Amino acid sequence: MTYRVCFVCTGNICRSPMAEAVFHARVADAGLDDLVEADSAGTGGWHEGEGADPRTVAVLAENSYDLDHTARQFQQSWFSRLDLIVALDAGHLRALRRLAPTERDAAKVRLLRSYDPAADGDDLDVPDPYYGGQDGFEECLEMVEAASTGLLAAVREQVEGRAA
């Protein structure tokens, strides 16, 4: 049974596609391609149908990550097919938990940086780089990479628990 993860930010053109690309690479490196699927979405539909921000694409390419992406808005009906919904900041976390049809679905929503043991527990947001320069996208990638190791470990534990 496939374990499904969805990364969510505001417009689905910067942070969430970046997290999706990094996590895809981690999953592939771990040999879990057949067991784990990841995608991304936005809390809003402003950029639906568009590709990722060119700065996101550039930072990912510079760091050897692949990304084939079309922005879309998260839909309430997806809760039933997803195992984990990963919010990139506290605003997304709140919006997704409000959207969740059940308490069980709301419990599926977690902050990405909660998987980074070095992250400050009081500020687990990945800042939105959209209105800044290239350095904001590089910082975003660093945060995503740091959290992805812990996220992969947590997902691996869930996947192996299903197989047991």
N, C-alpha and C. Protein backbone atom coordinates (compact mmCIF):
# COMPACT_ATOMS: atom_id res chain seq x y z
N MET A 1 0.85 -1.19 0.00
CA MET A 1 0.00 0.00 0.00
C MET A 1 0.89 1.24 0.00
N THR A 2 0.61 2.15 -0.89
CA THR A 2 1.42 3.36 -1.05
C THR A 2 1.13 4.37 0.06
N TYR A 3 2.19 4.96 0.60
CA TYR A 3 2.08 6.02 1.60
C TYR A 3 2.13 7.34 0.84
N ARG A 4 1.13 8.20 1.04
CA ARG A 4 1.00 9.43 0.26
C ARG A 4 1.20 10.67 1.13
N VAL A 5 2.10 11.54 0.64
CA VAL A 5 2.46 12.78 1.33
C VAL A 5 2.16 13.95 0.40
N CYS A 6 1.60 15.02 0.94
CA CYS A 6 1.38 16.24 0.16
C CYS A 6 1.96 17.43 0.94
N PHE A 7 2.82 18.19 0.26
CA PHE A 7 3.41 19.40 0.84
C PHE A 7 2.54 20.59 0.45
N VAL A 8 2.27 21.49 1.41
CA VAL A 8 1.36 22.60 1.13
C VAL A 8 1.95 23.92 1.59
N CYS A 9 1.96 24.90 0.66
CA CYS A 9 2.30 26.28 1.01
C CYS A 9 1.17 27.17 0.50
N THR A 10 1.42 28.42 0.25
CA THR A 10 0.35 29.34 -0.13
C THR A 10 -0.08 29.19 -1.58
N GLY A 11 0.85 29.42 -2.51
CA GLY A 11 0.49 29.41 -3.93
C GLY A 11 0.97 28.21 -4.70
N ASN A 12 1.75 27.34 -4.07
CA ASN A 12 2.28 26.12 -4.70
C ASN A 12 3.22 26.40 -5.86
N ILE A 13 4.04 27.46 -5.70
CA ILE A 13 5.05 27.73 -6.73
C ILE A 13 6.46 27.88 -6.15
N CYS A 14 6.60 27.99 -4.83
CA CYS A 14 7.93 28.18 -4.22
C CYS A 14 8.26 27.06 -3.24
N ARG A 15 7.74 27.20 -2.02
CA ARG A 15 8.14 26.30 -0.93
C ARG A 15 7.67 24.87 -1.10
N SER A 16 6.39 24.67 -1.38
CA SER A 16 5.89 23.28 -1.44
C SER A 16 6.46 22.50 -2.62
N PRO A 17 6.62 23.09 -3.82
CA PRO A 17 7.27 22.29 -4.86
C PRO A 17 8.73 22.00 -4.55
N MET A 18 9.38 22.92 -3.84
CA MET A 18 10.77 22.70 -3.43
C MET A 18 10.83 21.51 -2.46
N ALA A 19 9.93 21.49 -1.49
CA ALA A 19 9.89 20.39 -0.53
C ALA A 19 9.56 19.08 -1.23
N GLU A 20 8.64 19.13 -2.17
CA GLU A 20 8.29 17.93 -2.94
C GLU A 20 9.50 17.38 -3.68
N ALA A 21 10.25 18.24 -4.36
CA ALA A 21 11.43 17.81 -5.13
C ALA A 21 12.50 17.20 -4.22
N VAL A 22 12.77 17.85 -3.11
CA VAL A 22 13.79 17.35 -2.18
C VAL A 22 13.34 16.01 -1.60
N PHE A 23 12.08 15.92 -1.21
CA PHE A 23 11.59 14.68 -0.62
C PHE A 23 11.59 13.54 -1.64
N HIS A 24 11.21 13.84 -2.89
CA HIS A 24 11.28 12.82 -3.96
C HIS A 24 12.70 12.25 -4.04
N ALA A 25 13.69 13.13 -4.00
CA ALA A 25 15.09 12.68 -4.08
C ALA A 25 15.45 11.81 -2.88
N ARG A 26 15.01 12.20 -1.68
CA ARG A 26 15.30 11.42 -0.48
C ARG A 26 14.65 10.04 -0.55
N VAL A 27 13.41 10.01 -1.02
CA VAL A 27 12.68 8.75 -1.16
C VAL A 27 13.38 7.84 -2.17
N ALA A 28 13.81 8.40 -3.30
CA ALA A 28 14.51 7.61 -4.31
C ALA A 28 15.83 7.08 -3.77
N ASP A 29 16.58 7.94 -3.09
CA ASP A 29 17.86 7.51 -2.51
C ASP A 29 17.68 6.39 -1.49
N ALA A 30 16.55 6.39 -0.80
CA ALA A 30 16.27 5.38 0.21
C ALA A 30 15.68 4.10 -0.39
N GLY A 31 15.42 4.12 -1.71
CA GLY A 31 14.85 2.95 -2.36
C GLY A 31 13.39 2.72 -2.04
N LEU A 32 12.68 3.79 -1.69
CA LEU A 32 11.27 3.68 -1.31
C LEU A 32 10.31 4.16 -2.40
N ASP A 33 10.80 4.35 -3.62
CA ASP A 33 9.98 4.87 -4.72
C ASP A 33 8.66 4.13 -4.90
N ASP A 34 8.69 2.82 -4.71
CA ASP A 34 7.49 2.02 -4.93
C ASP A 34 6.51 2.09 -3.77
N LEU A 35 6.95 2.64 -2.65
CA LEU A 35 6.12 2.65 -1.45
C LEU A 35 5.63 4.03 -1.02
N VAL A 36 6.30 5.08 -1.51
CA VAL A 36 5.98 6.44 -1.07
C VAL A 36 5.77 7.35 -2.28
N GLU A 37 4.68 8.09 -2.27
CA GLU A 37 4.41 9.10 -3.30
C GLU A 37 4.33 10.45 -2.62
N ALA A 38 4.82 11.48 -3.31
CA ALA A 38 4.75 12.84 -2.78
C ALA A 38 4.31 13.79 -3.88
N ASP A 39 3.52 14.77 -3.50
CA ASP A 39 3.14 15.83 -4.40
C ASP A 39 2.98 17.11 -3.59
N SER A 40 2.43 18.14 -4.18
CA SER A 40 2.29 19.40 -3.46
C SER A 40 1.08 20.17 -3.96
N ALA A 41 0.69 21.16 -3.16
CA ALA A 41 -0.47 21.99 -3.49
C ALA A 41 -0.36 23.30 -2.71
N GLY A 42 -1.27 24.21 -3.01
CA GLY A 42 -1.32 25.49 -2.31
C GLY A 42 -2.64 25.64 -1.57
N THR A 43 -2.63 26.48 -0.54
CA THR A 43 -3.89 26.75 0.17
C THR A 43 -4.81 27.60 -0.70
N GLY A 44 -4.23 28.34 -1.64
CA GLY A 44 -5.01 29.16 -2.55
C GLY A 44 -4.76 28.75 -3.99
N GLY A 45 -5.62 29.21 -4.88
CA GLY A 45 -5.52 28.82 -6.27
C GLY A 45 -4.97 29.89 -7.20
N TRP A 46 -4.28 30.89 -6.65
CA TRP A 46 -3.82 32.02 -7.45
C TRP A 46 -2.94 31.61 -8.62
N HIS A 47 -2.13 30.58 -8.45
CA HIS A 47 -1.16 30.18 -9.47
C HIS A 47 -1.51 28.86 -10.15
N GLU A 48 -2.73 28.38 -9.93
CA GLU A 48 -3.13 27.09 -10.50
C GLU A 48 -2.81 27.03 -11.99
N GLY A 49 -2.20 25.92 -12.38
CA GLY A 49 -1.86 25.70 -13.79
C GLY A 49 -0.49 26.25 -14.19
N GLU A 50 0.13 27.03 -13.32
CA GLU A 50 1.45 27.60 -13.62
C GLU A 50 2.55 26.65 -13.17
N GLY A 51 3.74 26.85 -13.72
CA GLY A 51 4.91 26.11 -13.27
C GLY A 51 5.45 26.73 -12.00
N ALA A 52 6.49 26.12 -11.46
CA ALA A 52 7.13 26.65 -10.26
C ALA A 52 7.82 27.97 -10.58
N ASP A 53 8.00 28.79 -9.56
CA ASP A 53 8.72 30.06 -9.69
C ASP A 53 10.11 29.76 -10.28
N PRO A 54 10.57 30.54 -11.26
CA PRO A 54 11.88 30.29 -11.87
C PRO A 54 13.03 30.28 -10.86
N ARG A 55 12.89 31.02 -9.77
CA ARG A 55 13.94 31.02 -8.74
C ARG A 55 13.96 29.69 -7.99
N THR A 56 12.80 29.09 -7.79
CA THR A 56 12.72 27.76 -7.18
C THR A 56 13.39 26.75 -8.09
N VAL A 57 13.04 26.81 -9.36
CA VAL A 57 13.61 25.88 -10.35
C VAL A 57 15.13 26.03 -10.40
N ALA A 58 15.62 27.27 -10.38
CA ALA A 58 17.06 27.51 -10.46
C ALA A 58 17.80 26.96 -9.24
N VAL A 59 17.28 27.23 -8.04
CA VAL A 59 17.93 26.74 -6.82
C VAL A 59 17.92 25.22 -6.78
N LEU A 60 16.82 24.62 -7.19
CA LEU A 60 16.77 23.16 -7.21
C LEU A 60 17.76 22.59 -8.22
N ALA A 61 17.81 23.17 -9.42
CA ALA A 61 18.73 22.68 -10.45
C ALA A 61 20.19 22.83 -10.01
N GLU A 62 20.52 23.95 -9.37
CA GLU A 62 21.88 24.18 -8.88
C GLU A 62 22.30 23.13 -7.85
N ASN A 63 21.31 22.52 -7.22
CA ASN A 63 21.58 21.53 -6.18
C ASN A 63 21.19 20.11 -6.61
N SER A 64 21.07 19.93 -7.92
CA SER A 64 20.84 18.60 -8.53
C SER A 64 19.50 17.96 -8.19
N TYR A 65 18.46 18.78 -8.00
CA TYR A 65 17.12 18.25 -7.80
C TYR A 65 16.31 18.44 -9.07
N ASP A 66 15.47 17.45 -9.37
CA ASP A 66 14.56 17.53 -10.52
C ASP A 66 13.20 18.00 -10.06
N LEU A 67 12.51 18.74 -10.94
CA LEU A 67 11.16 19.19 -10.61
C LEU A 67 10.34 19.31 -11.89
N ASP A 68 9.25 18.57 -11.95
CA ASP A 68 8.25 18.70 -13.01
C ASP A 68 6.98 19.09 -12.27
N HIS A 69 6.55 20.34 -12.41
CA HIS A 69 5.53 20.86 -11.50
C HIS A 69 4.50 21.74 -12.20
N THR A 70 3.25 21.55 -11.79
CA THR A 70 2.15 22.43 -12.16
C THR A 70 1.39 22.75 -10.89
N ALA A 71 1.25 24.03 -10.59
CA ALA A 71 0.59 24.45 -9.35
C ALA A 71 -0.89 24.07 -9.33
N ARG A 72 -1.35 23.76 -8.13
CA ARG A 72 -2.76 23.43 -7.93
C ARG A 72 -3.16 23.78 -6.50
N GLN A 73 -4.46 23.86 -6.26
CA GLN A 73 -4.97 24.20 -4.93
C GLN A 73 -5.37 22.92 -4.20
N PHE A 74 -5.04 22.87 -2.91
CA PHE A 74 -5.40 21.72 -2.08
C PHE A 74 -6.92 21.63 -1.98
N GLN A 75 -7.44 20.41 -2.06
CA GLN A 75 -8.88 20.18 -1.98
C GLN A 75 -9.22 19.35 -0.74
N GLN A 76 -10.30 19.69 -0.09
CA GLN A 76 -10.72 18.99 1.12
C GLN A 76 -10.88 17.48 0.87
N SER A 77 -11.33 17.11 -0.30
CA SER A 77 -11.56 15.70 -0.61
C SER A 77 -10.27 14.87 -0.61
N TRP A 78 -9.10 15.52 -0.66
CA TRP A 78 -7.83 14.80 -0.68
C TRP A 78 -7.46 14.19 0.66
N PHE A 79 -8.03 14.71 1.73
CA PHE A 79 -7.69 14.19 3.06
C PHE A 79 -7.85 12.67 3.11
N SER A 80 -8.88 12.15 2.50
CA SER A 80 -9.16 10.71 2.60
C SER A 80 -8.10 9.85 1.92
N ARG A 81 -7.39 10.38 0.93
CA ARG A 81 -6.39 9.57 0.22
C ARG A 81 -4.95 9.85 0.68
N LEU A 82 -4.77 10.86 1.50
CA LEU A 82 -3.42 11.22 1.96
C LEU A 82 -3.15 10.67 3.35
N ASP A 83 -1.89 10.27 3.56
CA ASP A 83 -1.47 9.79 4.87
C ASP A 83 -0.86 10.91 5.71
N LEU A 84 -0.23 11.87 5.03
CA LEU A 84 0.45 12.96 5.72
C LEU A 84 0.37 14.22 4.87
N ILE A 85 0.01 15.33 5.49
CA ILE A 85 -0.05 16.63 4.83
C ILE A 85 0.95 17.51 5.55
N VAL A 86 1.94 17.99 4.81
CA VAL A 86 3.05 18.72 5.42
C VAL A 86 2.93 20.21 5.08
N ALA A 87 2.63 21.00 6.09
CA ALA A 87 2.48 22.45 5.93
C ALA A 87 3.84 23.12 6.06
N LEU A 88 4.04 24.18 5.27
CA LEU A 88 5.33 24.87 5.30
C LEU A 88 5.39 26.00 6.31
N ASP A 89 4.24 26.47 6.79
CA ASP A 89 4.25 27.43 7.90
C ASP A 89 2.98 27.30 8.72
N ALA A 90 2.95 28.00 9.85
CA ALA A 90 1.85 27.87 10.79
C ALA A 90 0.51 28.33 10.21
N GLY A 91 0.54 29.29 9.30
CA GLY A 91 -0.69 29.73 8.65
C GLY A 91 -1.29 28.62 7.80
N HIS A 92 -0.44 27.90 7.09
CA HIS A 92 -0.92 26.76 6.28
C HIS A 92 -1.45 25.66 7.19
N LEU A 93 -0.74 25.43 8.30
CA LEU A 93 -1.16 24.41 9.26
C LEU A 93 -2.57 24.70 9.76
N ARG A 94 -2.81 25.94 10.17
CA ARG A 94 -4.14 26.32 10.67
C ARG A 94 -5.20 26.19 9.58
N ALA A 95 -4.90 26.66 8.37
CA ALA A 95 -5.86 26.61 7.27
C ALA A 95 -6.22 25.16 6.93
N LEU A 96 -5.22 24.30 6.90
CA LEU A 96 -5.47 22.90 6.56
C LEU A 96 -6.25 22.18 7.66
N ARG A 97 -5.92 22.47 8.89
CA ARG A 97 -6.65 21.82 9.99
C ARG A 97 -8.10 22.30 10.04
N ARG A 98 -8.35 23.56 9.70
CA ARG A 98 -9.74 24.05 9.61
C ARG A 98 -10.49 23.36 8.48
N LEU A 99 -9.79 23.08 7.40
CA LEU A 99 -10.38 22.45 6.22
C LEU A 99 -10.66 20.96 6.43
N ALA A 100 -9.94 20.35 7.35
CA ALA A 100 -10.05 18.90 7.59
C ALA A 100 -11.47 18.53 8.00
N PRO A 101 -12.04 17.51 7.34
CA PRO A 101 -13.41 17.11 7.66
C PRO A 101 -13.57 16.39 9.00
N THR A 102 -12.49 15.80 9.51
CA THR A 102 -12.56 15.07 10.79
C THR A 102 -11.33 15.39 11.64
N GLU A 103 -11.41 15.06 12.91
CA GLU A 103 -10.25 15.22 13.82
C GLU A 103 -9.09 14.35 13.34
N ARG A 104 -9.41 13.16 12.86
CA ARG A 104 -8.38 12.24 12.36
C ARG A 104 -7.66 12.86 11.17
N ASP A 105 -8.40 13.51 10.29
CA ASP A 105 -7.78 14.18 9.14
C ASP A 105 -6.93 15.35 9.59
N ALA A 106 -7.41 16.11 10.55
CA ALA A 106 -6.64 17.25 11.07
C ALA A 106 -5.32 16.79 11.66
N ALA A 107 -5.31 15.61 12.25
CA ALA A 107 -4.08 15.07 12.86
C ALA A 107 -3.05 14.67 11.80
N LYS A 108 -3.45 14.56 10.56
CA LYS A 108 -2.53 14.23 9.47
C LYS A 108 -1.65 15.43 9.09
N VAL A 109 -2.01 16.62 9.52
CA VAL A 109 -1.32 17.84 9.12
C VAL A 109 -0.20 18.15 10.12
N ARG A 110 1.01 18.30 9.59
CA ARG A 110 2.20 18.57 10.42
C ARG A 110 3.02 19.67 9.76
N LEU A 111 3.79 20.38 10.56
CA LEU A 111 4.73 21.37 10.03
C LEU A 111 6.02 20.68 9.57
N LEU A 112 6.52 21.06 8.42
CA LEU A 112 7.73 20.45 7.89
C LEU A 112 8.89 20.53 8.87
N ARG A 113 9.11 21.70 9.43
CA ARG A 113 10.29 21.87 10.29
C ARG A 113 10.15 21.18 11.64
N SER A 114 8.99 20.63 11.93
CA SER A 114 8.85 19.82 13.15
C SER A 114 9.67 18.54 13.04
N TYR A 115 10.11 18.22 11.83
CA TYR A 115 10.94 17.04 11.59
C TYR A 115 12.44 17.37 11.65
N ASP A 116 12.78 18.62 11.89
CA ASP A 116 14.18 19.04 11.99
C ASP A 116 14.52 19.22 13.46
N PRO A 117 15.32 18.31 14.04
CA PRO A 117 15.62 18.41 15.47
C PRO A 117 16.39 19.67 15.84
N ALA A 118 17.04 20.31 14.87
CA ALA A 118 17.80 21.53 15.16
C ALA A 118 16.94 22.79 15.06
N ALA A 119 15.70 22.66 14.59
CA ALA A 119 14.82 23.83 14.42
C ALA A 119 14.34 24.34 15.76
N ASP A 120 14.18 25.65 15.86
CA ASP A 120 13.67 26.30 17.06
C ASP A 120 12.19 25.97 17.21
N GLY A 121 11.81 25.33 18.29
CA GLY A 121 10.44 24.90 18.52
C GLY A 121 9.42 26.02 18.52
N ASP A 122 9.86 27.28 18.74
CA ASP A 122 8.94 28.41 18.75
C ASP A 122 8.69 28.97 17.36
N ASP A 123 9.58 28.68 16.41
CA ASP A 123 9.43 29.20 15.05
C ASP A 123 9.78 28.10 14.07
N LEU A 124 8.75 27.39 13.63
CA LEU A 124 8.95 26.28 12.70
C LEU A 124 8.52 26.62 11.28
N ASP A 125 8.32 27.91 11.01
CA ASP A 125 7.93 28.32 9.66
C ASP A 125 9.11 28.29 8.70
N VAL A 126 8.85 27.89 7.47
CA VAL A 126 9.79 28.10 6.38
C VAL A 126 9.34 29.42 5.75
N PRO A 127 10.15 30.48 5.86
CA PRO A 127 9.73 31.80 5.37
C PRO A 127 9.45 31.79 3.87
N ASP A 128 8.45 32.55 3.47
CA ASP A 128 8.07 32.65 2.06
C ASP A 128 9.12 33.48 1.32
N PRO A 129 9.83 32.90 0.35
CA PRO A 129 10.88 33.64 -0.35
C PRO A 129 10.36 34.47 -1.53
N TYR A 130 9.08 34.38 -1.84
CA TYR A 130 8.52 34.94 -3.07
C TYR A 130 8.85 36.41 -3.30
N TYR A 131 8.74 37.24 -2.29
CA TYR A 131 8.94 38.68 -2.47
C TYR A 131 10.38 39.13 -2.25
N GLY A 132 11.27 38.19 -2.02
CA GLY A 132 12.67 38.52 -1.77
C GLY A 132 13.57 38.13 -2.93
N GLY A 133 14.84 38.05 -2.63
CA GLY A 133 15.83 37.71 -3.64
C GLY A 133 16.19 36.24 -3.63
N GLN A 134 17.17 35.90 -4.42
CA GLN A 134 17.62 34.53 -4.57
C GLN A 134 18.08 33.91 -3.25
N ASP A 135 18.65 34.73 -2.37
CA ASP A 135 19.13 34.20 -1.09
C ASP A 135 18.00 33.61 -0.26
N GLY A 136 16.78 34.15 -0.37
CA GLY A 136 15.63 33.60 0.34
C GLY A 136 15.28 32.20 -0.14
N PHE A 137 15.46 31.96 -1.44
CA PHE A 137 15.19 30.64 -2.00
C PHE A 137 16.26 29.65 -1.55
N GLU A 138 17.48 30.12 -1.45
CA GLU A 138 18.57 29.26 -0.97
C GLU A 138 18.36 28.90 0.50
N GLU A 139 17.93 29.87 1.30
CA GLU A 139 17.64 29.62 2.71
C GLU A 139 16.48 28.64 2.85
N CYS A 140 15.48 28.81 2.01
CA CYS A 140 14.33 27.91 2.01
C CYS A 140 14.80 26.48 1.73
N LEU A 141 15.65 26.31 0.74
CA LEU A 141 16.15 24.98 0.40
C LEU A 141 16.92 24.37 1.58
N GLU A 142 17.73 25.17 2.25
CA GLU A 142 18.48 24.66 3.41
C GLU A 142 17.53 24.15 4.49
N MET A 143 16.46 24.89 4.76
CA MET A 143 15.50 24.47 5.77
C MET A 143 14.77 23.19 5.35
N VAL A 144 14.39 23.14 4.09
CA VAL A 144 13.69 21.97 3.55
C VAL A 144 14.60 20.74 3.63
N GLU A 145 15.84 20.89 3.23
CA GLU A 145 16.77 19.76 3.29
C GLU A 145 16.99 19.29 4.72
N ALA A 146 17.14 20.22 5.64
CA ALA A 146 17.38 19.86 7.04
C ALA A 146 16.20 19.07 7.62
N ALA A 147 14.99 19.44 7.26
CA ALA A 147 13.80 18.75 7.78
C ALA A 147 13.52 17.44 7.05
N SER A 148 13.97 17.32 5.82
CA SER A 148 13.65 16.15 5.01
C SER A 148 14.25 14.86 5.55
N THR A 149 15.38 14.94 6.21
CA THR A 149 16.00 13.75 6.78
C THR A 149 15.09 13.15 7.86
N GLY A 150 14.63 13.99 8.77
CA GLY A 150 13.71 13.53 9.82
C GLY A 150 12.37 13.11 9.27
N LEU A 151 11.89 13.82 8.26
CA LEU A 151 10.62 13.46 7.64
C LEU A 151 10.73 12.08 7.00
N LEU A 152 11.81 11.83 6.28
CA LEU A 152 12.00 10.53 5.66
C LEU A 152 12.04 9.42 6.71
N ALA A 153 12.72 9.66 7.81
CA ALA A 153 12.78 8.66 8.88
C ALA A 153 11.39 8.37 9.43
N ALA A 154 10.58 9.39 9.63
CA ALA A 154 9.22 9.21 10.14
C ALA A 154 8.35 8.46 9.14
N VAL A 155 8.47 8.80 7.86
CA VAL A 155 7.69 8.13 6.83
C VAL A 155 8.14 6.67 6.69
N ARG A 156 9.45 6.44 6.72
CA ARG A 156 9.97 5.07 6.64
C ARG A 156 9.39 4.22 7.77
N GLU A 157 9.33 4.79 8.97
CA GLU A 157 8.78 4.07 10.12
C GLU A 157 7.31 3.70 9.87
N GLN A 158 6.56 4.62 9.30
CA GLN A 158 5.15 4.35 8.99
C GLN A 158 5.00 3.27 7.92
N VAL A 159 5.83 3.37 6.89
CA VAL A 159 5.79 2.41 5.78
C VAL A 159 6.16 1.02 6.29
N GLU A 160 7.21 0.94 7.08
CA GLU A 160 7.64 -0.36 7.62
C GLU A 160 6.61 -0.90 8.60
N GLY A 161 5.92 -0.01 9.32
CA GLY A 161 4.85 -0.43 10.24
C GLY A 161 3.68 -1.04 9.51
N ARG A 162 3.41 -0.57 8.30
CA ARG A 162 2.32 -1.12 7.49
C ARG A 162 2.67 -2.52 6.99
N ALA A 163 3.96 -2.72 6.71
CA ALA A 163 4.41 -4.00 6.17
C ALA A 163 4.49 -5.07 7.25
N ALA A 164 4.57 -4.65 8.51
CA ALA A 164 4.74 -5.62 9.61
C ALA A 164 3.45 -6.36 9.92
